[in-house]
Protein backbone atom coordinates (compact mmCIF):
# COMPACT_ATOMS: atom_id res chain seq x y z
CA MET A 1 16.05 16.32 -62.91
CA ALA A 2 19.04 17.68 -61.15
CA THR A 3 20.04 16.69 -57.56
CA ILE A 4 20.35 19.37 -55.07
CA ASP A 5 23.18 19.95 -52.76
CA ASN A 6 22.15 20.35 -48.90
CA THR A 7 25.62 21.36 -48.14
CA GLU A 8 25.06 21.68 -44.25
CA ALA A 9 23.94 18.43 -43.88
CA GLY A 10 26.88 16.72 -45.83
CA TYR A 11 24.51 15.19 -48.77
CA ARG A 12 22.83 15.92 -51.96
CA PHE A 13 19.48 14.49 -52.77
CA ILE A 14 16.82 14.07 -55.64
CA PRO A 15 13.71 16.26 -55.47
CA ALA A 16 10.41 14.75 -55.43
CA VAL A 17 7.20 14.85 -53.25
CA MET A 18 6.41 16.62 -49.98
CA GLN A 19 6.80 13.34 -47.70
CA TYR A 20 10.24 12.77 -49.30
CA SER A 21 13.20 12.94 -51.64
CA GLY A 22 13.76 10.32 -54.46
CA GLY A 23 17.42 9.57 -52.61
CA VAL A 24 19.91 10.76 -50.84
CA ALA A 25 23.91 10.75 -51.41
CA ALA A 26 26.96 11.93 -49.44
CA LEU A 27 28.85 14.76 -50.51
CA PRO A 28 32.61 14.66 -50.66
CA GLY A 29 33.90 14.79 -46.97
CA PHE A 30 30.95 12.85 -45.59
CA ARG A 31 29.38 9.33 -45.42
CA LEU A 32 26.24 8.22 -44.79
CA GLU A 33 25.47 5.56 -41.63
CA ARG A 34 22.35 3.37 -41.09
CA VAL A 35 20.88 2.27 -37.74
CA ARG A 36 17.98 0.04 -37.60
CA PHE A 37 16.12 -0.68 -34.29
CA THR A 38 15.44 -4.17 -33.15
CA GLU A 39 11.66 -3.36 -33.16
CA PRO A 40 9.83 -0.51 -34.70
CA LEU A 41 9.74 2.74 -32.60
CA PRO A 42 6.32 4.56 -32.19
CA MET A 43 6.93 7.79 -34.11
CA ALA A 44 7.40 9.89 -31.01
CA GLU A 45 9.69 7.74 -29.60
CA GLY A 46 11.46 7.35 -32.45
CA TRP A 47 11.89 10.99 -32.72
CA ARG A 48 13.40 11.11 -29.49
CA ARG A 49 15.80 8.28 -29.64
CA ILE A 50 17.50 9.83 -33.48
CA ALA A 51 17.66 13.39 -31.77
CA THR A 52 19.40 11.90 -28.68
CA PHE A 53 21.65 9.69 -30.90
CA LEU A 54 22.55 12.80 -33.21
CA ASP A 55 23.37 14.45 -29.96
CA ASP A 56 25.67 11.93 -28.59
CA ILE A 57 27.48 11.73 -31.60
CA GLY A 58 27.96 15.55 -32.05
CA ARG A 59 25.57 15.83 -35.27
CA PRO A 60 23.09 18.56 -35.88
CA ARG A 61 19.38 17.51 -36.60
CA THR A 62 20.07 18.59 -40.16
CA ALA A 63 22.42 15.36 -40.43
CA PHE A 64 19.37 13.30 -40.66
CA ALA A 65 18.98 12.00 -44.37
CA ALA A 66 16.93 8.78 -44.45
CA CYS A 67 14.55 6.72 -42.64
CA GLU A 68 12.16 3.43 -43.10
CA LEU A 69 9.20 3.33 -41.26
CA ARG A 70 6.66 0.79 -40.61
CA SER A 71 3.06 1.24 -40.17
CA PRO A 72 0.11 -1.09 -38.89
CA ALA A 73 -1.65 -1.45 -42.48
CA PRO A 74 -1.86 0.79 -45.91
CA PHE A 75 -3.32 4.01 -45.51
CA THR A 76 -6.42 5.53 -47.59
CA GLU A 77 -4.70 8.28 -49.89
CA ALA A 78 -6.45 10.81 -47.59
CA GLY A 79 -5.03 9.06 -44.31
CA PHE A 80 -1.36 8.91 -46.03
CA ALA A 81 -1.56 12.98 -46.45
CA THR A 82 -2.58 13.37 -42.77
CA PHE A 83 0.24 11.14 -41.90
CA ASN A 84 2.89 12.82 -43.84
CA THR A 85 1.98 16.52 -42.67
CA ALA A 86 2.41 15.41 -39.28
CA TYR A 87 5.74 13.76 -40.38
CA ALA A 88 7.09 17.05 -42.29
CA THR A 89 6.02 19.12 -39.44
CA VAL A 90 8.80 17.30 -37.20
CA LEU A 91 11.38 17.81 -40.05
CA ASP A 92 10.46 21.43 -40.49
CA ALA A 93 11.09 21.90 -36.59
CA TRP A 94 14.33 20.26 -36.97
CA GLY A 95 15.63 22.50 -39.57
CA VAL A 96 15.60 19.66 -41.86
CA LEU A 97 13.13 20.96 -44.99
CA ARG A 98 15.21 22.77 -47.50
CA ASP A 99 13.64 25.97 -49.76
CA GLY A 100 10.28 23.96 -49.90
CA HIS A 101 11.96 20.66 -50.61
CA ASN A 102 11.94 17.58 -48.55
CA PRO A 103 15.45 16.19 -48.56
CA VAL A 104 14.99 13.10 -46.73
CA ALA A 105 14.88 9.92 -48.30
CA ARG A 106 12.17 7.67 -46.86
CA SER A 107 10.33 4.20 -47.18
CA ASN A 108 7.36 3.30 -45.19
CA VAL A 109 5.69 -0.23 -45.34
CA CYS A 110 3.28 -2.36 -43.46
CA PRO A 111 3.95 -5.82 -42.12
CA ALA A 112 1.48 -8.57 -42.86
CA PHE A 113 2.31 -10.00 -39.54
CA THR A 114 2.80 -8.82 -36.46
CA PRO A 115 2.43 -5.58 -37.34
CA PRO A 116 2.99 -2.54 -34.57
CA ALA A 117 0.47 -1.08 -33.11
CA VAL A 118 1.08 2.44 -34.41
CA PRO A 119 3.34 3.75 -37.07
CA GLY A 120 7.26 3.81 -36.04
CA PHE A 121 10.75 4.11 -37.21
CA HIS A 122 12.22 0.84 -38.41
CA ALA A 123 15.80 2.39 -39.35
CA PHE A 124 17.44 5.78 -39.98
CA ALA A 125 20.70 7.25 -41.27
CA TYR A 126 22.60 10.03 -41.32
CA THR A 127 26.02 11.96 -42.23
CA VAL A 128 29.10 11.92 -40.57
CA PRO A 129 32.27 13.79 -41.45
CA ASP A 130 34.63 11.68 -43.18
CA ALA A 131 37.96 13.02 -45.32
CA HIS A 132 38.25 9.77 -46.79
CA ALA A 133 34.91 7.74 -47.33
CA ALA A 134 34.03 5.79 -50.09
CA PRO A 135 30.98 7.37 -51.90
CA SER A 136 27.49 6.24 -50.13
CA PHE A 137 23.73 6.55 -51.07
CA ILE A 138 20.06 5.39 -50.17
CA VAL A 139 17.41 5.36 -52.59
CA ALA A 140 14.04 5.80 -51.25
CA GLY A 141 11.37 3.25 -51.35
CA SER A 142 8.89 3.02 -54.73
CA GLY A 143 5.83 1.23 -55.23
CA GLU A 144 4.18 0.62 -58.49
CA SER A 145 2.32 4.12 -58.96
CA VAL A 146 3.76 7.16 -60.74
CA GLU A 147 4.33 10.03 -58.01
CA GLY A 148 3.55 13.30 -57.79
CA LYS A 149 0.37 12.97 -59.46
CA GLY A 150 -3.13 13.81 -58.11
CA ASN A 151 -3.70 10.29 -56.63
CA TYR A 152 -2.23 6.84 -56.66
CA ARG A 153 -4.76 4.88 -57.91
CA ASP A 154 -4.93 6.32 -61.62
CA HIS A 155 -1.55 6.30 -62.07
CA THR A 156 -0.62 2.87 -60.82
CA ILE A 157 0.73 -0.08 -62.72
CA ALA A 158 -1.51 -2.93 -63.40
CA TYR A 159 -3.71 -1.77 -60.72
CA GLY A 160 -5.52 -4.47 -58.22
CA ASP A 161 -3.70 -7.16 -60.54
CA THR A 162 -1.86 -9.44 -58.48
CA SER A 163 -1.51 -12.16 -61.10
CA PRO A 164 1.96 -13.54 -62.26
CA ASP A 165 1.76 -10.75 -65.24
CA GLY A 166 0.56 -8.03 -63.03
CA MET A 167 3.25 -8.77 -60.33
CA LEU A 168 6.06 -8.60 -63.34
CA ARG A 169 4.62 -5.77 -64.87
CA LYS A 170 4.60 -3.89 -61.33
CA GLY A 171 8.12 -5.44 -60.53
CA GLN A 172 9.46 -4.02 -63.99
CA TYR A 173 8.25 -0.53 -63.14
CA VAL A 174 9.84 -0.31 -60.10
CA LEU A 175 13.43 -1.68 -61.06
CA GLY A 176 12.97 0.94 -63.79
CA GLU A 177 12.22 3.33 -60.90
CA MET A 178 15.51 2.06 -58.84
CA GLU A 179 17.65 2.51 -61.81
CA ARG A 180 16.38 5.95 -62.67
CA ARG A 181 16.89 7.44 -59.22
CA MET A 182 20.45 5.55 -58.71
CA GLU A 183 21.52 6.96 -62.13
CA LEU A 184 20.43 10.61 -61.07
CA LEU A 185 22.73 10.16 -57.64
CA GLY A 186 25.59 8.55 -59.80
CA PHE A 187 25.34 5.05 -58.96
CA GLY A 188 24.02 1.75 -60.43
CA TRP A 189 22.94 -1.79 -59.20
CA ALA A 190 26.76 -2.33 -58.81
CA ASP A 191 27.28 0.15 -56.12
CA THR A 192 24.29 -1.47 -53.88
CA THR A 193 25.57 -2.98 -50.86
CA GLY A 194 21.64 -3.80 -49.80
CA VAL A 195 18.69 -4.22 -51.76
CA GLN A 196 14.63 -4.66 -50.21
CA ALA A 197 11.88 -5.66 -51.63
CA TYR A 198 8.31 -5.80 -50.13
CA THR A 199 5.32 -7.56 -51.19
CA VAL A 200 2.77 -10.07 -49.84
CA TYR A 201 2.22 -11.70 -53.35
CA PRO A 202 4.55 -13.96 -54.69
CA MET A 203 6.95 -12.69 -57.04
CA PRO A 204 6.82 -14.94 -60.39
CA PRO A 205 9.74 -16.32 -61.89
CA ALA A 206 10.16 -14.12 -64.65
CA LEU A 207 10.32 -11.04 -62.05
CA THR A 208 13.01 -12.83 -60.03
CA ALA A 209 15.04 -13.79 -63.16
CA GLU A 210 14.70 -10.14 -64.11
CA ILE A 211 15.86 -8.66 -60.94
CA VAL A 212 19.17 -11.47 -61.24
CA SER A 213 19.55 -10.39 -65.10
CA ARG A 214 19.91 -6.72 -64.02
CA GLY A 215 22.53 -7.62 -61.33
CA ALA A 216 19.82 -5.97 -58.41
CA SER A 217 20.57 -9.39 -56.54
CA ARG A 218 24.41 -9.56 -56.80
CA HIS A 219 24.54 -9.57 -52.82
CA GLY A 220 21.11 -11.09 -52.57
CA LEU A 221 17.82 -9.77 -51.97
CA THR A 222 16.18 -9.10 -48.82
CA TRP A 223 12.36 -10.11 -48.92
CA GLN A 224 10.05 -8.66 -46.40
CA ASN A 225 6.44 -9.64 -46.55
CA CYS A 226 5.00 -6.27 -46.22
CA ARG A 227 2.64 -3.98 -48.35
CA PRO A 228 3.46 -0.48 -49.50
CA PRO A 229 2.05 2.05 -47.53
CA VAL A 230 -1.03 3.23 -49.55
CA GLU A 231 -3.93 0.96 -50.56
CA GLY A 232 -4.14 -0.66 -53.92
CA LEU A 233 -0.48 -0.83 -54.10
CA ASP A 234 1.14 -4.31 -54.04
CA TYR A 235 4.97 -4.05 -54.64
CA GLU A 236 7.78 -1.37 -53.70
CA MET A 237 11.80 -1.71 -53.52
CA ASP A 238 14.75 0.29 -52.03
CA CYS A 239 18.35 0.20 -52.29
CA ARG A 240 21.46 1.74 -50.57
CA GLY A 241 25.22 1.64 -50.96
CA ILE A 242 26.22 1.94 -47.25
CA MET A 243 29.59 1.05 -45.53
CA THR A 244 28.62 1.29 -42.03
CA GLU A 245 25.42 0.12 -40.42
CA GLN A 246 24.40 -0.77 -37.14
CA VAL A 247 21.78 -2.44 -34.87
CA LEU A 248 20.13 -0.55 -31.51
CA PRO A 249 18.13 -2.20 -29.00
CA ALA A 250 14.40 -1.19 -29.20
C-alpha cells in the first residue's frame, strides 16, 4: 500500500476506511502542529473553534490533518457508522476529502470517568509551511480489530477476553499495526515524540515488557483510562512525531 500525497494540504496519508486515514506525514516544506483543548469541546463547537483557529493563522480548512475525539461511551457498530457519516459530512463541506478518500488521521476514545456528555474534540493537528521543518507524522488510533471488514466483532483479536493472555494478544496486534502504519509513512518508534495507550483493563507485565522492548516507550507511555469507540474493543494505541504542540483553553 502506498501513501497518497495531499499536496494542497501539505501532507501525505495512508488510505484506509471512510472515517479516517491510517496516518499522515508532512510533505517537504511543511510541518505538523498539534493543539489540545483543556476539556473536550462538543463537535459543533469544536468545528467552529478549529475553523477560527485555522483562519487566524492563515491556513485553509484543507490543512486540517488529524484529530483526537472523546465520546461518552462506546458506540454500537450502527451508531458508530451514523456518527462517522455526520463527521465526514463536515470534512466534505470543508473540501478535505480527496477522490473518495478521507485523509484525516483520527483517534476516538471514551473516558471511563467523567466522560463528556456528547462526542467532542480533545485535540487536532494541521500543517503549516516551513522550509526547514524536521519530519513530522501522526498515526491514527487503532484497536484490536482488523479494519475495513463488514463488522468489528468477527475480526477482533481475543474478542471478549480481557485476561492477561487476551490483553497481551490484543496489545501485540495493536503494536504491530502501529509499526505497519509508521513503516508506510517512513518512520519507526525511534521517531516518535508521543505514544498513547487506551484501555480500562490492566496491561499485563508481558505486554508492558513488549512495549518497552520494541522501543515504544522511549519517551514514556501515556496511558489513558479510556475505552475504544466501538462496543467489544478493549485496547487502542496511537503515536506521533510532532515538534510543536500547544494547549488551548476550552
